[in-house]
Structures are given as C-alpha cells and as structure tokens.
Amino acid sequence: MNSNEERLVAKFNTHKPEFINLLGGSVESVSITPPSCIYKFIIGNEYCHSIDIVQGGFVSAMLDAAMSHAAYAVEKGVIGISTIEMSTHYMAPTRAGKVIASGRVISESYKIAFLEGELHDFSGELTATSKSTVKITRKR
C-alpha cells in the first residue's frame, strides 16, 4: 500500500459505522488502482442461526461494506455511496469466526458504479459472492 492507501485504511477504521464494530470488522487494505477494499470480520455466535451459521443478512452487510468502501477509494471527491441494487449468492455456509470480505469496482461513471464482492472463511473457502449497483454522490 502507498501512503494515500494507508491514510484511507486509517480513516475507514476511525470513522466506521457501529454495525461494523458489532461484527468485529476492520479494513485490512485498500487499493486505489484498481479500486478495491479488503475487510476482516470476527463474527460471534450471536449473529448466527443453527449454532454457528452466520445469518444471511449479516453476510450481505459484510459484502456491502467491502464493496462500498472500494467505491470510496476511487477518488477524493466521493462523499456518499447509496446502494441501488444488490444481489448476494450463498455458495457455502459462512460460519462464526474470522471471515474476509473483499470488494472491487468493476466499472464506474460520474454517478453510477458497478461493484463485486466475495466472502471467504478463514480457511480460504468462498462462501458468498455479491454484485451491486450504487449511486455515487460527489462534492460539488
């Protein structure tokens, strides 16, 4: 990571929403080119059903966080990301413990971006994928 990317990681980890803290989340890395973000989450059993399987809404939230933060890394003028549409595909159960969510910008215009994400468990198994279309708000 370069110094701008390190500053983004520090900013994202300092000013994160409370739900990220609840899910034990922190940004591990950010890339400006190509725009991407990697989050680490430590999920407790309180966010699970069937003993240790993470509830699907939390899986989607983790993927959404990684993808939207990748869009924030595109350039300094981005001040807001609003999800227009998002789909999540569950490949395998996501179990409590450490998981890694990665998000990347596939394509973007001035107001719209197309994003993709993946969630892997600690062993590296792919447990979920996601695609999203977002509206970008920029400084005037």
C-alpha atoms as a PDB file:
ATOM      1  CA  MET A   1       0.000   0.000   0.000  1.00  0.00           C
ATOM      2  CA  ASN A   2       1.130   3.525  -0.683  1.00  0.00           C
ATOM      3  CA  SER A   3       0.746   6.368   1.831  1.00  0.00           C
ATOM      4  CA  ASN A   4      -2.611   7.520   0.368  1.00  0.00           C
ATOM      5  CA  GLU A   5      -3.989   3.998   0.712  1.00  0.00           C
ATOM      6  CA  GLU A   6      -2.661   3.734   4.275  1.00  0.00           C
ATOM      7  CA  ARG A   7      -4.426   7.018   5.107  1.00  0.00           C
ATOM      8  CA  LEU A   8      -7.677   5.644   3.688  1.00  0.00           C
ATOM      9  CA  VAL A   9      -7.390   2.491   5.825  1.00  0.00           C
ATOM     10  CA  ALA A  10      -6.843   4.624   8.929  1.00  0.00           C
ATOM     11  CA  LYS A  11      -9.765   6.909   8.010  1.00  0.00           C
ATOM     12  CA  PHE A  12     -12.122   3.997   7.311  1.00  0.00           C
ATOM     13  CA  ASN A  13     -11.199   2.298  10.603  1.00  0.00           C
ATOM     14  CA  THR A  14     -11.520   5.511  12.613  1.00  0.00           C
ATOM     15  CA  HIS A  15     -14.902   6.571  11.186  1.00  0.00           C
ATOM     16  CA  LYS A  16     -16.725   3.279  10.793  1.00  0.00           C
ATOM     17  CA  PRO A  17     -20.419   2.720  11.440  1.00  0.00           C
ATOM     18  CA  GLU A  18     -21.368   0.889  14.622  1.00  0.00           C
ATOM     19  CA  PHE A  19     -22.588  -2.218  12.779  1.00  0.00           C
ATOM     20  CA  ILE A  20     -19.003  -2.776  11.588  1.00  0.00           C
ATOM     21  CA  ASN A  21     -17.896  -2.821  15.245  1.00  0.00           C
ATOM     22  CA  LEU A  22     -20.725  -5.214  16.161  1.00  0.00           C
ATOM     23  CA  LEU A  23     -19.481  -7.646  13.508  1.00  0.00           C
ATOM     24  CA  GLY A  24     -15.861  -7.271  14.656  1.00  0.00           C
ATOM     25  CA  GLY A  25     -14.902  -5.569  11.393  1.00  0.00           C
ATOM     26  CA  SER A  26     -11.865  -3.610  10.323  1.00  0.00           C
ATOM     27  CA  VAL A  27     -10.426  -2.579   6.978  1.00  0.00           C
ATOM     28  CA  GLU A  28      -7.286  -4.573   6.244  1.00  0.00           C
ATOM     29  CA  SER A  29      -6.281  -2.904   2.978  1.00  0.00           C
ATOM     30  CA  VAL A  30      -7.434  -0.527   0.269  1.00  0.00           C
ATOM     31  CA  SER A  31      -6.212  -0.169  -3.289  1.00  0.00           C
ATOM     32  CA  ILE A  32      -6.867   2.988  -5.263  1.00  0.00           C
ATOM     33  CA  THR A  33      -5.832   1.405  -8.586  1.00  0.00           C
ATOM     34  CA  PRO A  34      -7.656  -0.822  -9.188  1.00  0.00           C
ATOM     35  CA  PRO A  35     -10.259   0.314  -6.639  1.00  0.00           C
ATOM     36  CA  SER A  36     -10.710  -2.431  -4.051  1.00  0.00           C
ATOM     37  CA  CYS A  37     -11.079  -2.973  -0.317  1.00  0.00           C
ATOM     38  CA  ILE A  38     -10.495  -5.920   1.998  1.00  0.00           C
ATOM     39  CA  TYR A  39     -12.295  -6.195   5.337  1.00  0.00           C
ATOM     40  CA  LYS A  40     -11.666  -8.664   8.140  1.00  0.00           C
ATOM     41  CA  PHE A  41     -14.607  -9.592  10.361  1.00  0.00           C
ATOM     42  CA  ILE A  42     -14.651 -11.661  13.550  1.00  0.00           C
ATOM     43  CA  ILE A  43     -18.223 -12.953  13.800  1.00  0.00           C
ATOM     44  CA  GLY A  44     -19.586 -14.212  17.094  1.00  0.00           C
ATOM     45  CA  ASN A  45     -22.315 -16.829  17.521  1.00  0.00           C
ATOM     46  CA  GLU A  46     -24.812 -14.113  18.471  1.00  0.00           C
ATOM     47  CA  TYR A  47     -25.124 -13.333  14.715  1.00  0.00           C
ATOM     48  CA  CYS A  48     -25.769 -16.964  13.811  1.00  0.00           C
ATOM     49  CA  HIS A  49     -28.579 -19.453  13.470  1.00  0.00           C
ATOM     50  CA  SER A  50     -28.209 -23.247  13.567  1.00  0.00           C
ATOM     51  CA  ILE A  51     -25.445 -22.894  16.167  1.00  0.00           C
ATOM     52  CA  ASP A  52     -22.664 -21.259  14.099  1.00  0.00           C
ATOM     53  CA  ILE A  53     -24.017 -20.346  10.637  1.00  0.00           C
ATOM     54  CA  VAL A  54     -23.977 -16.572  10.090  1.00  0.00           C
ATOM     55  CA  GLN A  55     -27.426 -15.199   9.217  1.00  0.00           C
ATOM     56  CA  GLY A  56     -27.602 -14.191   5.520  1.00  0.00           C
ATOM     57  CA  GLY A  57     -28.370 -10.525   6.163  1.00  0.00           C
ATOM     58  CA  PHE A  58     -25.078 -10.150   8.019  1.00  0.00           C
ATOM     59  CA  VAL A  59     -23.262 -11.864   5.134  1.00  0.00           C
ATOM     60  CA  SER A  60     -24.776  -9.286   2.765  1.00  0.00           C
ATOM     61  CA  ALA A  61     -23.870  -6.434   5.133  1.00  0.00           C
ATOM     62  CA  MET A  62     -20.222  -7.509   5.214  1.00  0.00           C
ATOM     63  CA  LEU A  63     -20.084  -7.749   1.432  1.00  0.00           C
ATOM     64  CA  ASP A  64     -21.830  -4.374   1.057  1.00  0.00           C
ATOM     65  CA  ALA A  65     -19.290  -2.736   3.379  1.00  0.00           C
ATOM     66  CA  ALA A  66     -16.315  -4.055   1.407  1.00  0.00           C
ATOM     67  CA  MET A  67     -17.817  -3.107  -1.955  1.00  0.00           C
ATOM     68  CA  SER A  68     -18.894   0.394  -0.922  1.00  0.00           C
ATOM     69  CA  HIS A  69     -15.514   1.163   0.621  1.00  0.00           C
ATOM     70  CA  ALA A  70     -13.868   0.133  -2.649  1.00  0.00           C
ATOM     71  CA  ALA A  71     -16.042   2.777  -4.334  1.00  0.00           C
ATOM     72  CA  TYR A  72     -14.974   5.383  -1.760  1.00  0.00           C
ATOM     73  CA  ALA A  73     -11.356   4.659  -2.717  1.00  0.00           C
ATOM     74  CA  VAL A  74     -11.959   5.706  -6.333  1.00  0.00           C
ATOM     75  CA  GLU A  75     -11.184   9.374  -5.714  1.00  0.00           C
ATOM     76  CA  LYS A  76     -11.269  12.051  -3.038  1.00  0.00           C
ATOM     77  CA  GLY A  77     -14.461  13.717  -4.316  1.00  0.00           C
ATOM     78  CA  VAL A  78     -16.751  10.802  -3.374  1.00  0.00           C
ATOM     79  CA  ILE A  79     -18.790  11.719  -0.284  1.00  0.00           C
ATOM     80  CA  GLY A  80     -21.626   9.200  -0.449  1.00  0.00           C
ATOM     81  CA  ILE A  81     -22.466   5.750  -1.788  1.00  0.00           C
ATOM     82  CA  SER A  82     -26.109   4.599  -1.990  1.00  0.00           C
ATOM     83  CA  THR A  83     -26.953   1.056  -2.994  1.00  0.00           C
ATOM     84  CA  ILE A  84     -29.471   0.954  -5.837  1.00  0.00           C
ATOM     85  CA  GLU A  85     -29.495  -2.824  -6.242  1.00  0.00           C
ATOM     86  CA  MET A  86     -27.580  -5.681  -4.652  1.00  0.00           C
ATOM     87  CA  SER A  87     -27.646  -9.445  -5.043  1.00  0.00           C
ATOM     88  CA  THR A  88     -25.935 -11.995  -2.831  1.00  0.00           C
ATOM     89  CA  HIS A  89     -25.232 -15.581  -3.793  1.00  0.00           C
ATOM     90  CA  TYR A  90     -24.549 -18.055  -0.998  1.00  0.00           C
ATOM     91  CA  MET A  91     -22.031 -20.700  -2.063  1.00  0.00           C
ATOM     92  CA  ALA A  92     -21.469 -22.404   1.311  1.00  0.00           C
ATOM     93  CA  PRO A  93     -22.386 -21.712   4.936  1.00  0.00           C
ATOM     94  CA  THR A  94     -20.481 -18.800   6.444  1.00  0.00           C
ATOM     95  CA  ARG A  95     -19.582 -19.912   9.952  1.00  0.00           C
ATOM     96  CA  ALA A  96     -18.778 -17.832  13.026  1.00  0.00           C
ATOM     97  CA  GLY A  97     -15.157 -16.808  13.335  1.00  0.00           C
ATOM     98  CA  LYS A  98     -12.820 -14.874  11.081  1.00  0.00           C
ATOM     99  CA  VAL A  99     -14.032 -14.064   7.571  1.00  0.00           C
ATOM    100  CA  ILE A 100     -12.574 -11.894   4.832  1.00  0.00           C
ATOM    101  CA  ALA A 101     -14.786  -9.705   2.637  1.00  0.00           C
ATOM    102  CA  SER A 102     -13.299  -8.214  -0.493  1.00  0.00           C
ATOM    103  CA  GLY A 103     -14.935  -5.647  -2.734  1.00  0.00           C
ATOM    104  CA  ARG A 104     -13.917  -4.094  -6.018  1.00  0.00           C
ATOM    105  CA  VAL A 105     -15.160  -1.547  -8.527  1.00  0.00           C
ATOM    106  CA  ILE A 106     -15.819  -3.211 -11.877  1.00  0.00           C
ATOM    107  CA  SER A 107     -16.926  -0.090 -13.748  1.00  0.00           C
ATOM    108  CA  GLU A 108     -17.880   3.456 -12.844  1.00  0.00           C
ATOM    109  CA  SER A 109     -19.202   6.662 -14.319  1.00  0.00           C
ATOM    110  CA  TYR A 110     -19.683  10.025 -12.661  1.00  0.00           C
ATOM    111  CA  LYS A 111     -22.860   8.970 -10.818  1.00  0.00           C
ATOM    112  CA  ILE A 112     -23.055   5.154 -11.023  1.00  0.00           C
ATOM    113  CA  ALA A 113     -20.669   2.311 -10.199  1.00  0.00           C
ATOM    114  CA  PHE A 114     -20.877  -1.449 -10.584  1.00  0.00           C
ATOM    115  CA  LEU A 115     -19.283  -3.442  -7.776  1.00  0.00           C
ATOM    116  CA  GLU A 116     -18.468  -7.058  -6.968  1.00  0.00           C
ATOM    117  CA  GLY A 117     -17.616  -8.759  -3.706  1.00  0.00           C
ATOM    118  CA  GLU A 118     -16.530 -12.088  -2.275  1.00  0.00           C
ATOM    119  CA  LEU A 119     -16.618 -13.523   1.220  1.00  0.00           C
ATOM    120  CA  HIS A 120     -14.127 -16.191   2.270  1.00  0.00           C
ATOM    121  CA  ASP A 121     -13.848 -18.060   5.537  1.00  0.00           C
ATOM    122  CA  PHE A 122     -10.587 -18.334   7.443  1.00  0.00           C
ATOM    123  CA  SER A 123      -9.546 -21.437   5.504  1.00  0.00           C
ATOM    124  CA  GLY A 124      -9.997 -19.540   2.229  1.00  0.00           C
ATOM    125  CA  GLU A 125     -13.250 -21.208   1.134  1.00  0.00           C
ATOM    126  CA  LEU A 126     -15.540 -18.959  -0.905  1.00  0.00           C
ATOM    127  CA  THR A 127     -18.829 -18.746   0.994  1.00  0.00           C
ATOM    128  CA  ALA A 128     -20.683 -15.912  -0.799  1.00  0.00           C
ATOM    129  CA  THR A 129     -20.454 -13.529  -3.724  1.00  0.00           C
ATOM    130  CA  SER A 130     -22.246 -10.289  -4.423  1.00  0.00           C
ATOM    131  CA  LYS A 131     -22.892  -7.727  -7.145  1.00  0.00           C
ATOM    132  CA  SER A 132     -24.123  -4.220  -6.591  1.00  0.00           C
ATOM    133  CA  THR A 133     -25.075  -1.092  -8.475  1.00  0.00           C
ATOM    134  CA  VAL A 134     -24.543   2.104  -6.486  1.00  0.00           C
ATOM    135  CA  LYS A 135     -25.223   5.809  -6.865  1.00  0.00           C
ATOM    136  CA  ILE A 136     -22.170   7.966  -6.208  1.00  0.00           C
ATOM    137  CA  THR A 137     -22.524  11.367  -4.559  1.00  0.00           C
ATOM    138  CA  ARG A 138     -19.597  13.724  -5.112  1.00  0.00           C
ATOM    139  CA  LYS A 139     -18.531  17.065  -3.689  1.00  0.00           C
ATOM    140  CA  ARG A 140     -19.992  19.950  -5.636  1.00  0.00           C
END
